[in-house]
Amino acid sequence: MKLRDKTINVGDLQPDEILVKVYAAGVNPEDLLLYNTAKYLFFKRNEKAVGRDFAGIVYAVGSQVTEYKVGDRVSGLFTPFFTEES
């Protein structure tokens, strides 16, 4: 796995997106199971599928977002499996 530094322009957020500053991410047994069995399920194995659980603070919100505001503490699950998104 390769660590990379990526600059994100907050002005590029879509109206329905939020940007979360992640403080913690977790690897659970399901992540490892999917990672280790990907070739049998006809998926391309990708380290981006590991550690999808996260917790952090909302850093920016799009213009149409009403449920969250900057500074809210959030946790979630990055759902796309084996994605090229980062």
C-alpha atoms as a PDB file:
ATOM      1  CA  MET A   1       0.000   0.000   0.000  1.00  0.00           C
ATOM      2  CA  LYS A   2       1.287   3.446  -0.855  1.00  0.00           C
ATOM      3  CA  LEU A   3       0.668   6.587   1.195  1.00  0.00           C
ATOM      4  CA  ARG A   4       0.030   9.696  -0.849  1.00  0.00           C
ATOM      5  CA  ASP A   5      -0.602  13.314  -0.042  1.00  0.00           C
ATOM      6  CA  LYS A   6      -3.590  14.751  -1.893  1.00  0.00           C
ATOM      7  CA  THR A   7      -4.724  18.362  -1.874  1.00  0.00           C
ATOM      8  CA  ILE A   8      -8.486  18.764  -2.020  1.00  0.00           C
ATOM      9  CA  ASN A   9     -10.064  22.036  -3.079  1.00  0.00           C
ATOM     10  CA  VAL A  10     -13.112  22.528  -0.855  1.00  0.00           C
ATOM     11  CA  GLY A  11     -14.646  24.651  -3.621  1.00  0.00           C
ATOM     12  CA  ASP A  12     -14.828  21.526  -5.806  1.00  0.00           C
ATOM     13  CA  LEU A  13     -17.433  19.845  -3.552  1.00  0.00           C
ATOM     14  CA  GLN A  14     -20.647  18.892  -5.301  1.00  0.00           C
ATOM     15  CA  PRO A  15     -23.816  20.445  -3.784  1.00  0.00           C
ATOM     16  CA  ASP A  16     -24.782  17.117  -2.153  1.00  0.00           C
ATOM     17  CA  GLU A  17     -21.336  16.101  -0.837  1.00  0.00           C
ATOM     18  CA  ILE A  18     -19.619  16.415   2.522  1.00  0.00           C
ATOM     19  CA  LEU A  19     -15.903  16.334   3.238  1.00  0.00           C
ATOM     20  CA  VAL A  20     -14.858  14.479   6.388  1.00  0.00           C
ATOM     21  CA  LYS A  21     -11.490  14.842   8.069  1.00  0.00           C
ATOM     22  CA  VAL A  22     -10.911  11.231   9.103  1.00  0.00           C
ATOM     23  CA  TYR A  23      -9.343  10.673  12.508  1.00  0.00           C
ATOM     24  CA  ALA A  24      -9.800   6.910  12.753  1.00  0.00           C
ATOM     25  CA  ALA A  25     -10.321   4.023  10.361  1.00  0.00           C
ATOM     26  CA  GLY A  26     -10.821   0.387  11.193  1.00  0.00           C
ATOM     27  CA  VAL A  27     -10.281  -2.958   9.587  1.00  0.00           C
ATOM     28  CA  ASN A  28     -12.896  -5.532  10.436  1.00  0.00           C
ATOM     29  CA  PRO A  29     -13.077  -9.254   9.597  1.00  0.00           C
ATOM     30  CA  GLU A  30     -15.416  -8.588   6.660  1.00  0.00           C
ATOM     31  CA  ASP A  31     -12.820  -6.331   5.010  1.00  0.00           C
ATOM     32  CA  LEU A  32     -10.163  -9.006   5.301  1.00  0.00           C
ATOM     33  CA  LEU A  33     -12.517 -11.709   4.045  1.00  0.00           C
ATOM     34  CA  LEU A  34     -13.421  -9.666   0.959  1.00  0.00           C
ATOM     35  CA  TYR A  35      -9.787  -8.787   0.326  1.00  0.00           C
ATOM     36  CA  ASN A  36      -8.619 -12.407   0.604  1.00  0.00           C
ATOM     37  CA  THR A  37     -11.440 -13.893  -1.511  1.00  0.00           C
ATOM     38  CA  ALA A  38     -11.661 -11.211  -4.221  1.00  0.00           C
ATOM     39  CA  LYS A  39     -10.020 -13.339  -6.904  1.00  0.00           C
ATOM     40  CA  TYR A  40     -12.600 -16.086  -6.335  1.00  0.00           C
ATOM     41  CA  LEU A  41     -15.465 -13.583  -6.620  1.00  0.00           C
ATOM     42  CA  PHE A  42     -14.116 -12.179  -9.904  1.00  0.00           C
ATOM     43  CA  PHE A  43     -13.174  -8.804  -8.408  1.00  0.00           C
ATOM     44  CA  LYS A  44      -9.873  -7.097  -8.856  1.00  0.00           C
ATOM     45  CA  ARG A  45      -8.161  -7.236  -5.468  1.00  0.00           C
ATOM     46  CA  ASN A  46      -7.387  -3.742  -4.264  1.00  0.00           C
ATOM     47  CA  GLU A  47      -6.059  -2.458  -0.944  1.00  0.00           C
ATOM     48  CA  LYS A  48      -8.595   0.398  -1.129  1.00  0.00           C
ATOM     49  CA  ALA A  49     -11.229  -2.119   0.000  1.00  0.00           C
ATOM     50  CA  VAL A  50      -9.556  -2.518   3.385  1.00  0.00           C
ATOM     51  CA  GLY A  51     -10.354  -0.157   6.249  1.00  0.00           C
ATOM     52  CA  ARG A  52     -13.707   1.181   5.073  1.00  0.00           C
ATOM     53  CA  ASP A  53     -15.051   2.031   8.564  1.00  0.00           C
ATOM     54  CA  PHE A  54     -14.199   5.587   9.555  1.00  0.00           C
ATOM     55  CA  ALA A  55     -14.808   8.304  12.137  1.00  0.00           C
ATOM     56  CA  GLY A  56     -14.043  11.985  11.906  1.00  0.00           C
ATOM     57  CA  ILE A  57     -15.319  15.543  11.801  1.00  0.00           C
ATOM     58  CA  VAL A  58     -17.230  17.237   8.985  1.00  0.00           C
ATOM     59  CA  TYR A  59     -14.770  19.664   7.420  1.00  0.00           C
ATOM     60  CA  ALA A  60     -16.942  21.124   4.629  1.00  0.00           C
ATOM     61  CA  VAL A  61     -20.451  20.698   3.236  1.00  0.00           C
ATOM     62  CA  GLY A  62     -21.987  21.252  -0.190  1.00  0.00           C
ATOM     63  CA  SER A  63     -24.604  23.943  -0.721  1.00  0.00           C
ATOM     64  CA  GLN A  64     -27.558  21.508  -0.606  1.00  0.00           C
ATOM     65  CA  VAL A  65     -26.493  19.588   2.517  1.00  0.00           C
ATOM     66  CA  THR A  66     -28.821  20.280   5.435  1.00  0.00           C
ATOM     67  CA  GLU A  67     -28.374  17.219   7.662  1.00  0.00           C
ATOM     68  CA  TYR A  68     -24.732  17.936   8.594  1.00  0.00           C
ATOM     69  CA  LYS A  69     -22.771  21.049   9.449  1.00  0.00           C
ATOM     70  CA  VAL A  70     -19.063  21.799   9.741  1.00  0.00           C
ATOM     71  CA  GLY A  71     -17.747  20.471  13.054  1.00  0.00           C
ATOM     72  CA  ASP A  72     -20.225  17.583  13.409  1.00  0.00           C
ATOM     73  CA  ARG A  73     -18.668  14.332  14.601  1.00  0.00           C
ATOM     74  CA  VAL A  74     -19.543  11.514  12.210  1.00  0.00           C
ATOM     75  CA  SER A  75     -18.806   7.863  11.620  1.00  0.00           C
ATOM     76  CA  GLY A  76     -19.625   5.767   8.632  1.00  0.00           C
ATOM     77  CA  LEU A  77     -18.776   3.129   6.106  1.00  0.00           C
ATOM     78  CA  PHE A  78     -17.263   3.841   2.714  1.00  0.00           C
ATOM     79  CA  THR A  79     -19.477   1.468   0.734  1.00  0.00           C
ATOM     80  CA  PRO A  80     -18.057   1.093  -2.795  1.00  0.00           C
ATOM     81  CA  PHE A  81     -16.155  -2.205  -2.836  1.00  0.00           C
ATOM     82  CA  PHE A  82     -12.937  -2.440  -4.823  1.00  0.00           C
ATOM     83  CA  THR A  83     -13.213   1.080  -6.166  1.00  0.00           C
ATOM     84  CA  GLU A  84     -10.726   3.327  -7.847  1.00  0.00           C
ATOM     85  CA  GLU A  85     -12.121   6.297  -5.923  1.00  0.00           C
ATOM     86  CA  SER A  86      -9.974   7.652  -3.126  1.00  0.00           C
END
